[in-house]
């Protein structure tokens, strides 16, 4: 490849990336901000079975 061809490809790549960034910034400004509030995590209620705990204590 010739230097001129590489230069043209590099400019084309640069302009493509630059246009992509500009379009992305424009789209980010145009879309409305939606405040999605996160719900708190509810911990499951576990039932303690004494037989399992006693078995684990015996294994120690």
N, C-alpha and C. Protein backbone atom coordinates (compact mmCIF):
# COMPACT_ATOMS: atom_id res chain seq x y z
N UNK A 1 0.84 -1.19 0.00
CA UNK A 1 0.00 0.00 0.00
C UNK A 1 0.88 1.24 0.00
N UNK A 2 0.36 2.19 -0.58
CA UNK A 2 1.02 3.46 -0.76
C UNK A 2 0.71 4.37 0.44
N UNK A 3 1.54 5.33 0.72
CA UNK A 3 1.33 6.23 1.86
C UNK A 3 0.02 7.01 1.72
N UNK A 4 -0.29 7.39 0.51
CA UNK A 4 -1.50 8.16 0.28
C UNK A 4 -2.75 7.32 0.58
N UNK A 5 -2.72 6.05 0.20
CA UNK A 5 -3.85 5.16 0.48
C UNK A 5 -4.03 4.95 1.98
N UNK A 6 -2.94 4.74 2.68
CA UNK A 6 -3.01 4.57 4.14
C UNK A 6 -3.53 5.84 4.80
N UNK A 7 -3.09 6.99 4.31
CA UNK A 7 -3.55 8.26 4.85
C UNK A 7 -5.06 8.43 4.64
N UNK A 8 -5.56 8.08 3.48
CA UNK A 8 -6.99 8.19 3.19
C UNK A 8 -7.80 7.22 4.07
N UNK A 9 -7.30 6.01 4.25
CA UNK A 9 -7.97 5.04 5.12
C UNK A 9 -7.98 5.53 6.56
N UNK A 10 -6.87 6.10 7.03
CA UNK A 10 -6.79 6.61 8.40
C UNK A 10 -7.76 7.76 8.61
N UNK A 11 -7.85 8.67 7.64
CA UNK A 11 -8.78 9.80 7.76
C UNK A 11 -10.22 9.29 7.76
N UNK A 12 -10.51 8.32 6.90
CA UNK A 12 -11.86 7.74 6.86
C UNK A 12 -12.22 7.09 8.18
N UNK A 13 -11.28 6.35 8.76
CA UNK A 13 -11.52 5.71 10.05
C UNK A 13 -11.73 6.75 11.14
N UNK A 14 -10.89 7.78 11.17
CA UNK A 14 -11.01 8.83 12.17
C UNK A 14 -12.36 9.53 12.06
N UNK A 15 -12.77 9.88 10.85
CA UNK A 15 -14.05 10.57 10.67
C UNK A 15 -15.23 9.67 11.05
N UNK A 16 -15.12 8.38 10.78
CA UNK A 16 -16.18 7.44 11.17
C UNK A 16 -16.32 7.39 12.68
N UNK A 17 -15.21 7.25 13.39
CA UNK A 17 -15.25 7.19 14.85
C UNK A 17 -15.74 8.52 15.42
N UNK A 18 -15.29 9.62 14.87
CA UNK A 18 -15.70 10.93 15.34
C UNK A 18 -17.21 11.13 15.14
N UNK A 19 -17.73 10.76 13.97
CA UNK A 19 -19.16 10.88 13.71
C UNK A 19 -19.96 9.97 14.63
N UNK A 20 -19.44 8.79 14.89
CA UNK A 20 -20.11 7.84 15.78
C UNK A 20 -20.23 8.44 17.19
N UNK A 21 -19.16 9.06 17.68
CA UNK A 21 -19.20 9.67 19.01
C UNK A 21 -20.17 10.84 19.05
N UNK A 22 -20.17 11.69 18.03
CA UNK A 22 -21.08 12.84 17.99
C UNK A 22 -22.53 12.37 17.97
N UNK A 23 -22.84 11.37 17.14
CA UNK A 23 -24.21 10.86 17.08
C UNK A 23 -24.61 10.24 18.41
N UNK A 24 -23.70 9.54 19.07
CA UNK A 24 -24.00 8.93 20.36
C UNK A 24 -24.28 9.99 21.42
N UNK A 25 -23.48 11.05 21.45
CA UNK A 25 -23.71 12.14 22.41
C UNK A 25 -25.04 12.83 22.13
N UNK A 26 -25.34 13.05 20.86
CA UNK A 26 -26.61 13.68 20.49
C UNK A 26 -27.79 12.81 20.92
N UNK A 27 -27.69 11.52 20.69
CA UNK A 27 -28.77 10.62 21.06
C UNK A 27 -28.93 10.54 22.58
N UNK A 28 -27.82 10.59 23.32
CA UNK A 28 -27.89 10.55 24.78
C UNK A 28 -28.57 11.80 25.32
N UNK A 29 -28.36 12.94 24.66
CA UNK A 29 -29.01 14.17 25.11
C UNK A 29 -30.49 14.21 24.74
N UNK A 30 -30.89 13.55 23.67
CA UNK A 30 -32.27 13.58 23.22
C UNK A 30 -33.17 12.61 24.00
N UNK A 31 -32.63 11.51 24.49
CA UNK A 31 -33.46 10.54 25.19
C UNK A 31 -33.77 11.06 26.58
N UNK A 32 -35.02 10.93 27.02
CA UNK A 32 -35.38 11.43 28.36
C UNK A 32 -34.75 10.56 29.44
N UNK A 33 -34.43 11.20 30.54
CA UNK A 33 -33.85 10.49 31.67
C UNK A 33 -34.97 9.84 32.46
N UNK A 34 -34.86 8.55 32.69
CA UNK A 34 -35.85 7.82 33.46
C UNK A 34 -35.19 7.40 34.76
N UNK A 35 -35.78 7.84 35.85
CA UNK A 35 -35.22 7.51 37.17
C UNK A 35 -35.82 6.19 37.62
N UNK A 36 -35.09 5.14 37.42
CA UNK A 36 -35.54 3.82 37.87
C UNK A 36 -35.05 3.62 39.29
N UNK A 37 -35.97 3.63 40.23
CA UNK A 37 -35.57 3.41 41.61
C UNK A 37 -35.50 1.91 41.85
N UNK A 38 -34.49 1.52 42.55
CA UNK A 38 -34.29 0.11 42.86
C UNK A 38 -35.05 -0.25 44.12
N UNK A 39 -35.73 -1.36 44.07
CA UNK A 39 -36.42 -1.85 45.26
C UNK A 39 -35.41 -2.56 46.16
N UNK A 40 -35.63 -2.44 47.45
CA UNK A 40 -34.72 -3.11 48.38
C UNK A 40 -34.94 -4.61 48.30
N UNK A 41 -33.89 -5.33 48.53
CA UNK A 41 -33.96 -6.79 48.46
C UNK A 41 -34.56 -7.31 49.75
N UNK A 42 -35.54 -8.16 49.61
CA UNK A 42 -36.16 -8.78 50.78
C UNK A 42 -35.45 -10.10 51.06
N UNK A 43 -34.92 -10.21 52.25
CA UNK A 43 -34.22 -11.43 52.62
C UNK A 43 -35.24 -12.54 52.90
N UNK A 44 -34.97 -13.74 52.43
CA UNK A 44 -35.90 -14.84 52.70
C UNK A 44 -35.84 -15.23 54.17
N UNK A 45 -36.96 -15.70 54.66
CA UNK A 45 -37.01 -16.12 56.06
C UNK A 45 -36.68 -17.61 56.12
N UNK A 46 -35.59 -17.92 56.78
CA UNK A 46 -35.15 -19.30 56.90
C UNK A 46 -35.64 -19.87 58.23
N UNK A 47 -35.97 -21.14 58.18
CA UNK A 47 -36.35 -21.83 59.41
C UNK A 47 -35.15 -22.64 59.86
N UNK A 48 -34.76 -22.44 61.10
CA UNK A 48 -33.62 -23.18 61.65
C UNK A 48 -34.09 -24.55 62.11
N UNK A 49 -33.51 -25.56 61.53
CA UNK A 49 -33.82 -26.92 61.95
C UNK A 49 -32.71 -27.37 62.88
N UNK A 50 -33.07 -27.64 64.10
CA UNK A 50 -32.06 -27.99 65.09
C UNK A 50 -31.39 -29.32 64.76
N UNK A 51 -32.07 -30.22 64.07
CA UNK A 51 -31.47 -31.52 63.74
C UNK A 51 -30.27 -31.32 62.80
N UNK A 52 -30.39 -30.42 61.85
CA UNK A 52 -29.28 -30.17 60.92
C UNK A 52 -28.12 -29.52 61.65
N UNK A 53 -28.41 -28.56 62.51
CA UNK A 53 -27.35 -27.89 63.26
C UNK A 53 -26.65 -28.87 64.20
N UNK A 54 -27.42 -29.73 64.86
CA UNK A 54 -26.81 -30.72 65.75
C UNK A 54 -25.93 -31.69 64.96
N UNK A 55 -26.37 -32.07 63.78
CA UNK A 55 -25.58 -32.98 62.94
C UNK A 55 -24.27 -32.32 62.52
N UNK A 56 -24.31 -31.03 62.18
CA UNK A 56 -23.09 -30.32 61.80
C UNK A 56 -22.14 -30.18 62.99
N UNK A 57 -22.68 -29.96 64.17
CA UNK A 57 -21.84 -29.83 65.36
C UNK A 57 -21.16 -31.17 65.66
N UNK A 58 -21.88 -32.27 65.46
CA UNK A 58 -21.30 -33.59 65.71
C UNK A 58 -20.16 -33.89 64.73
N UNK A 59 -20.24 -33.39 63.51
CA UNK A 59 -19.21 -33.66 62.51
C UNK A 59 -17.90 -32.92 62.80
N UNK A 60 -17.96 -31.87 63.58
CA UNK A 60 -16.74 -31.12 63.88
C UNK A 60 -15.89 -31.95 64.74
